[in-house]
Structures are given as C-alpha cells and as structure tokens.
Amino acid sequence: MTSHDGVDAYLDFDAVERNNGLIYIWGLLDYKTKDPWDNLSSSALHELDCNNTPKRKRVISTRGYSGNMGAGELNISSSTHGDWEYPRPGSLYTFLTKKLCSP
C-alpha cells in the first residue's frame, strides 16, 4: 500500500497472472473524498508488457464504487483497452515492471 494526496493505492500481488510475457495485476485506489464520478474507490486491471523494450503498461478494465475499498454500488465500469504507456523513471509502474518482469 502507498498513499499520496488523499489516495491510498493497493496492488493484489497474490492474484498476478502471467501469459506469454504479459502480466495482469489488479489495483485498488481508495479516496478520502469522492472523485468527479462520485466514487470513493476504484479498481483497475493493469496489463504489463514484459516483452517490449522499454517495458510498457495499459489499463484494460476499470470499475468505480460508491464506497471505500471497493464496497457500495458499482457506479462505473469499463473494459476498453487503454493505450500503451511507458512508465516514467522512478514511478510506481517502473518499480512494478522491474519486480514483476524479472525471472
């Protein structure tokens, strides 16, 4: 868990899935105040591409909840694959790709 600007971030390392150099991991953001869509938390399924140099990531599914920690009503849900992004040096995603893409 990490915290920044009133948002606590969690990653589910126990549910990591691997498939041909792609890694899938769920993350949860828990907000102190509601976001613009009236969510107090949101979850996202992230796809990390360990085959690419430099490593890249994208979000392939998101959900927003009316309560904290994924509780309450489901306010929003999307399964659209986002564009590939390249993590900034020193970012959480750079740490994740180093940790999860290592043999």
N, C-alpha and C. Protein backbone atom coordinates (compact mmCIF):
# COMPACT_ATOMS: atom_id res chain seq x y z
N MET A 1 0.85 -1.17 0.00
CA MET A 1 0.00 0.00 0.00
C MET A 1 0.89 1.23 0.00
N THR A 2 0.47 2.22 -0.74
CA THR A 2 1.13 3.52 -0.74
C THR A 2 0.05 4.59 -0.70
N SER A 3 0.41 5.77 -0.21
CA SER A 3 -0.56 6.84 -0.07
C SER A 3 0.02 8.13 -0.64
N HIS A 4 -0.85 8.91 -1.34
CA HIS A 4 -0.41 10.16 -1.93
C HIS A 4 -1.63 11.05 -2.17
N ASP A 5 -1.59 12.27 -1.70
CA ASP A 5 -2.65 13.26 -1.93
C ASP A 5 -4.06 12.75 -1.60
N GLY A 6 -4.21 12.09 -0.46
CA GLY A 6 -5.52 11.64 -0.04
C GLY A 6 -6.02 10.39 -0.74
N VAL A 7 -5.13 9.68 -1.43
CA VAL A 7 -5.49 8.44 -2.12
C VAL A 7 -4.56 7.33 -1.64
N ASP A 8 -5.16 6.23 -1.18
CA ASP A 8 -4.38 5.05 -0.82
C ASP A 8 -4.44 4.08 -1.98
N ALA A 9 -3.28 3.55 -2.38
CA ALA A 9 -3.20 2.63 -3.53
C ALA A 9 -2.77 1.25 -3.05
N TYR A 10 -3.45 0.22 -3.56
CA TYR A 10 -3.17 -1.16 -3.20
C TYR A 10 -3.00 -1.99 -4.47
N LEU A 11 -2.12 -2.98 -4.43
CA LEU A 11 -1.93 -3.92 -5.53
C LEU A 11 -2.09 -5.33 -5.00
N ASP A 12 -2.75 -6.18 -5.77
CA ASP A 12 -3.01 -7.56 -5.35
C ASP A 12 -1.95 -8.49 -5.93
N PHE A 13 -0.81 -8.60 -5.23
CA PHE A 13 0.29 -9.43 -5.71
C PHE A 13 -0.04 -10.93 -5.64
N ASP A 14 -1.06 -11.31 -4.86
CA ASP A 14 -1.44 -12.71 -4.75
C ASP A 14 -2.24 -13.20 -5.96
N ALA A 15 -2.73 -12.27 -6.77
CA ALA A 15 -3.57 -12.64 -7.91
C ALA A 15 -2.92 -12.27 -9.25
N VAL A 16 -1.60 -12.19 -9.29
CA VAL A 16 -0.89 -11.86 -10.53
C VAL A 16 -1.04 -13.01 -11.51
N GLU A 17 -1.38 -12.69 -12.75
CA GLU A 17 -1.46 -13.70 -13.81
C GLU A 17 -0.42 -13.39 -14.87
N ARG A 18 0.17 -14.44 -15.44
CA ARG A 18 1.20 -14.29 -16.48
C ARG A 18 0.78 -15.08 -17.71
N ASN A 19 1.02 -14.48 -18.89
CA ASN A 19 0.67 -15.15 -20.14
C ASN A 19 1.58 -14.63 -21.25
N ASN A 20 2.54 -15.45 -21.68
CA ASN A 20 3.42 -15.11 -22.80
C ASN A 20 4.09 -13.74 -22.67
N GLY A 21 4.64 -13.46 -21.50
CA GLY A 21 5.35 -12.21 -21.28
C GLY A 21 4.46 -11.04 -20.89
N LEU A 22 3.15 -11.26 -20.83
CA LEU A 22 2.23 -10.23 -20.36
C LEU A 22 1.84 -10.56 -18.92
N ILE A 23 1.75 -9.54 -18.10
CA ILE A 23 1.41 -9.72 -16.69
C ILE A 23 0.16 -8.90 -16.40
N TYR A 24 -0.77 -9.50 -15.64
CA TYR A 24 -2.02 -8.85 -15.28
C TYR A 24 -2.09 -8.74 -13.76
N ILE A 25 -2.36 -7.53 -13.29
CA ILE A 25 -2.44 -7.30 -11.84
C ILE A 25 -3.56 -6.30 -11.55
N TRP A 26 -4.34 -6.58 -10.50
CA TRP A 26 -5.41 -5.68 -10.08
C TRP A 26 -4.87 -4.66 -9.09
N GLY A 27 -5.33 -3.42 -9.23
CA GLY A 27 -5.01 -2.36 -8.28
C GLY A 27 -6.29 -1.73 -7.78
N LEU A 28 -6.24 -1.18 -6.57
CA LEU A 28 -7.40 -0.50 -5.99
C LEU A 28 -6.94 0.85 -5.48
N LEU A 29 -7.69 1.89 -5.79
CA LEU A 29 -7.47 3.23 -5.25
C LEU A 29 -8.61 3.55 -4.30
N ASP A 30 -8.25 3.99 -3.10
CA ASP A 30 -9.25 4.32 -2.08
C ASP A 30 -9.11 5.81 -1.78
N TYR A 31 -10.20 6.57 -1.99
CA TYR A 31 -10.16 8.03 -1.89
C TYR A 31 -10.72 8.51 -0.55
N LYS A 32 -10.14 9.60 -0.07
CA LYS A 32 -10.66 10.24 1.17
C LYS A 32 -11.92 11.04 0.87
N THR A 33 -12.01 11.59 -0.34
CA THR A 33 -13.20 12.32 -0.78
C THR A 33 -13.62 11.78 -2.14
N LYS A 34 -14.86 12.00 -2.50
CA LYS A 34 -15.38 11.47 -3.76
C LYS A 34 -14.63 12.05 -4.96
N ASP A 35 -14.45 11.22 -5.97
CA ASP A 35 -13.86 11.69 -7.21
C ASP A 35 -14.95 12.35 -8.07
N PRO A 36 -14.63 12.85 -9.26
CA PRO A 36 -15.64 13.53 -10.09
C PRO A 36 -16.84 12.67 -10.48
N TRP A 37 -16.75 11.34 -10.36
CA TRP A 37 -17.84 10.44 -10.73
C TRP A 37 -18.56 9.90 -9.49
N ASP A 38 -18.35 10.55 -8.34
CA ASP A 38 -18.95 10.16 -7.05
C ASP A 38 -18.44 8.83 -6.52
N ASN A 39 -17.24 8.44 -6.89
CA ASN A 39 -16.64 7.21 -6.38
C ASN A 39 -15.78 7.52 -5.15
N LEU A 40 -15.84 6.60 -4.18
CA LEU A 40 -14.90 6.65 -3.05
C LEU A 40 -13.78 5.64 -3.23
N SER A 41 -13.89 4.79 -4.24
CA SER A 41 -12.81 3.86 -4.57
C SER A 41 -12.97 3.41 -6.02
N SER A 42 -11.87 2.93 -6.57
CA SER A 42 -11.92 2.38 -7.92
C SER A 42 -10.88 1.26 -8.03
N SER A 43 -11.17 0.32 -8.91
CA SER A 43 -10.22 -0.76 -9.16
C SER A 43 -9.92 -0.79 -10.65
N ALA A 44 -8.74 -1.30 -10.97
CA ALA A 44 -8.33 -1.38 -12.38
C ALA A 44 -7.47 -2.62 -12.58
N LEU A 45 -7.67 -3.25 -13.73
CA LEU A 45 -6.83 -4.37 -14.14
C LEU A 45 -5.76 -3.80 -15.07
N HIS A 46 -4.51 -3.97 -14.68
CA HIS A 46 -3.38 -3.43 -15.42
C HIS A 46 -2.70 -4.56 -16.19
N GLU A 47 -2.27 -4.25 -17.40
CA GLU A 47 -1.53 -5.20 -18.23
C GLU A 47 -0.12 -4.64 -18.41
N LEU A 48 0.88 -5.41 -18.03
CA LEU A 48 2.28 -5.03 -18.19
C LEU A 48 2.89 -5.89 -19.29
N ASP A 49 3.58 -5.27 -20.22
CA ASP A 49 4.20 -5.98 -21.34
C ASP A 49 5.70 -6.13 -21.05
N CYS A 50 6.09 -7.33 -20.63
CA CYS A 50 7.49 -7.61 -20.30
C CYS A 50 8.31 -7.94 -21.54
N ASN A 51 7.67 -8.16 -22.68
CA ASN A 51 8.38 -8.49 -23.92
C ASN A 51 8.95 -7.25 -24.60
N ASN A 52 8.35 -6.11 -24.36
CA ASN A 52 8.72 -4.87 -25.03
C ASN A 52 9.89 -4.20 -24.33
N THR A 53 10.74 -3.53 -25.10
CA THR A 53 11.80 -2.71 -24.53
C THR A 53 11.66 -1.32 -25.11
N PRO A 54 11.38 -0.29 -24.31
CA PRO A 54 11.21 -0.36 -22.87
C PRO A 54 9.87 -1.01 -22.51
N LYS A 55 9.78 -1.46 -21.25
CA LYS A 55 8.54 -2.07 -20.77
C LYS A 55 7.40 -1.06 -20.88
N ARG A 56 6.20 -1.57 -21.04
CA ARG A 56 5.04 -0.69 -21.17
C ARG A 56 3.86 -1.26 -20.40
N LYS A 57 2.83 -0.41 -20.19
CA LYS A 57 1.65 -0.84 -19.43
C LYS A 57 0.42 -0.15 -19.99
N ARG A 58 -0.74 -0.75 -19.69
CA ARG A 58 -2.02 -0.12 -20.01
C ARG A 58 -3.08 -0.68 -19.07
N VAL A 59 -4.17 0.06 -18.96
CA VAL A 59 -5.32 -0.37 -18.16
C VAL A 59 -6.31 -1.01 -19.11
N ILE A 60 -6.80 -2.20 -18.74
CA ILE A 60 -7.74 -2.89 -19.63
C ILE A 60 -9.14 -3.01 -19.05
N SER A 61 -9.30 -2.67 -17.76
CA SER A 61 -10.63 -2.70 -17.16
C SER A 61 -10.63 -1.78 -15.94
N THR A 62 -11.70 -1.02 -15.77
CA THR A 62 -11.83 -0.15 -14.59
C THR A 62 -13.24 -0.27 -14.02
N ARG A 63 -13.32 -0.03 -12.71
CA ARG A 63 -14.61 -0.03 -12.00
C ARG A 63 -14.56 1.05 -10.93
N GLY A 64 -15.65 1.77 -10.76
CA GLY A 64 -15.74 2.79 -9.71
C GLY A 64 -16.86 2.43 -8.75
N TYR A 65 -16.61 2.63 -7.45
CA TYR A 65 -17.55 2.22 -6.40
C TYR A 65 -17.95 3.40 -5.52
N SER A 66 -19.17 3.38 -5.04
CA SER A 66 -19.68 4.46 -4.19
C SER A 66 -19.08 4.42 -2.79
N GLY A 67 -18.56 3.28 -2.37
CA GLY A 67 -17.98 3.14 -1.03
C GLY A 67 -16.48 2.96 -1.07
N ASN A 68 -15.87 3.01 0.09
CA ASN A 68 -14.43 2.80 0.20
C ASN A 68 -14.08 1.32 0.03
N MET A 69 -12.86 1.07 -0.40
CA MET A 69 -12.28 -0.28 -0.52
C MET A 69 -13.11 -1.21 -1.42
N GLY A 70 -13.70 -0.68 -2.48
CA GLY A 70 -14.45 -1.49 -3.43
C GLY A 70 -15.84 -1.89 -2.96
N ALA A 71 -16.33 -1.23 -1.93
CA ALA A 71 -17.67 -1.54 -1.40
C ALA A 71 -18.69 -0.57 -1.99
N GLY A 72 -19.95 -0.87 -1.74
CA GLY A 72 -21.03 0.01 -2.20
C GLY A 72 -21.47 -0.31 -3.61
N GLU A 73 -22.19 0.63 -4.19
CA GLU A 73 -22.73 0.47 -5.54
C GLU A 73 -21.63 0.61 -6.59
N LEU A 74 -21.75 -0.16 -7.66
CA LEU A 74 -20.87 -0.01 -8.81
C LEU A 74 -21.37 1.18 -9.62
N ASN A 75 -20.60 2.27 -9.65
CA ASN A 75 -21.01 3.49 -10.34
C ASN A 75 -20.60 3.51 -11.81
N ILE A 76 -19.49 2.89 -12.12
CA ILE A 76 -18.96 2.95 -13.47
C ILE A 76 -18.13 1.69 -13.73
N SER A 77 -18.19 1.20 -14.95
CA SER A 77 -17.41 0.03 -15.33
C SER A 77 -17.04 0.15 -16.80
N SER A 78 -15.78 -0.13 -17.11
CA SER A 78 -15.31 -0.04 -18.48
C SER A 78 -14.31 -1.15 -18.74
N SER A 79 -14.43 -1.80 -19.89
CA SER A 79 -13.49 -2.86 -20.27
C SER A 79 -12.75 -2.51 -21.55
N THR A 80 -12.64 -1.24 -21.84
CA THR A 80 -11.94 -0.80 -23.03
C THR A 80 -10.44 -0.80 -22.77
N HIS A 81 -9.67 -1.44 -23.66
CA HIS A 81 -8.22 -1.42 -23.52
C HIS A 81 -7.70 -0.02 -23.76
N GLY A 82 -6.94 0.50 -22.81
CA GLY A 82 -6.33 1.81 -22.96
C GLY A 82 -5.12 1.75 -23.87
N ASP A 83 -4.59 2.91 -24.18
CA ASP A 83 -3.36 2.98 -24.99
C ASP A 83 -2.17 2.53 -24.15
N TRP A 84 -1.18 1.98 -24.82
CA TRP A 84 0.06 1.61 -24.14
C TRP A 84 0.76 2.88 -23.67
N GLU A 85 1.29 2.83 -22.46
CA GLU A 85 2.06 3.93 -21.89
C GLU A 85 3.41 3.39 -21.43
N TYR A 86 4.40 4.26 -21.43
CA TYR A 86 5.74 3.90 -20.97
C TYR A 86 5.97 4.56 -19.62
N PRO A 87 6.18 3.76 -18.58
CA PRO A 87 6.33 4.33 -17.23
C PRO A 87 7.50 5.30 -17.13
N ARG A 88 7.28 6.38 -16.38
CA ARG A 88 8.35 7.35 -16.11
C ARG A 88 9.38 6.71 -15.19
N PRO A 89 10.65 7.03 -15.37
CA PRO A 89 11.67 6.53 -14.45
C PRO A 89 11.34 6.94 -13.01
N GLY A 90 11.50 5.99 -12.11
CA GLY A 90 11.22 6.25 -10.69
C GLY A 90 9.77 6.13 -10.29
N SER A 91 8.88 5.84 -11.24
CA SER A 91 7.45 5.75 -10.92
C SER A 91 7.10 4.38 -10.35
N LEU A 92 5.89 4.28 -9.82
CA LEU A 92 5.39 3.01 -9.30
C LEU A 92 5.40 1.94 -10.40
N TYR A 93 5.04 2.32 -11.62
CA TYR A 93 4.99 1.34 -12.70
C TYR A 93 6.38 0.87 -13.11
N THR A 94 7.39 1.73 -13.01
CA THR A 94 8.76 1.30 -13.27
C THR A 94 9.17 0.25 -12.24
N PHE A 95 8.84 0.51 -10.99
CA PHE A 95 9.11 -0.46 -9.92
C PHE A 95 8.37 -1.76 -10.20
N LEU A 96 7.09 -1.67 -10.57
CA LEU A 96 6.29 -2.87 -10.84
C LEU A 96 6.88 -3.71 -11.99
N THR A 97 7.21 -3.05 -13.08
CA THR A 97 7.75 -3.82 -14.22
C THR A 97 9.07 -4.47 -13.86
N LYS A 98 9.92 -3.79 -13.10
CA LYS A 98 11.19 -4.39 -12.68
C LYS A 98 10.94 -5.60 -11.79
N LYS A 99 10.01 -5.44 -10.86
CA LYS A 99 9.71 -6.53 -9.91
C LYS A 99 9.02 -7.70 -10.59
N LEU A 100 8.00 -7.42 -11.41
CA LEU A 100 7.19 -8.50 -11.97
C LEU A 100 7.75 -9.09 -13.27
N CYS A 101 8.54 -8.33 -14.01
CA CYS A 101 9.07 -8.85 -15.27
C CYS A 101 10.38 -9.61 -15.08
N SER A 102 10.95 -9.56 -13.88
CA SER A 102 12.18 -10.30 -13.62
C SER A 102 11.88 -11.78 -13.50
N PRO A 103 12.78 -12.62 -14.01
CA PRO A 103 12.54 -14.08 -13.93
C PRO A 103 12.58 -14.59 -12.50
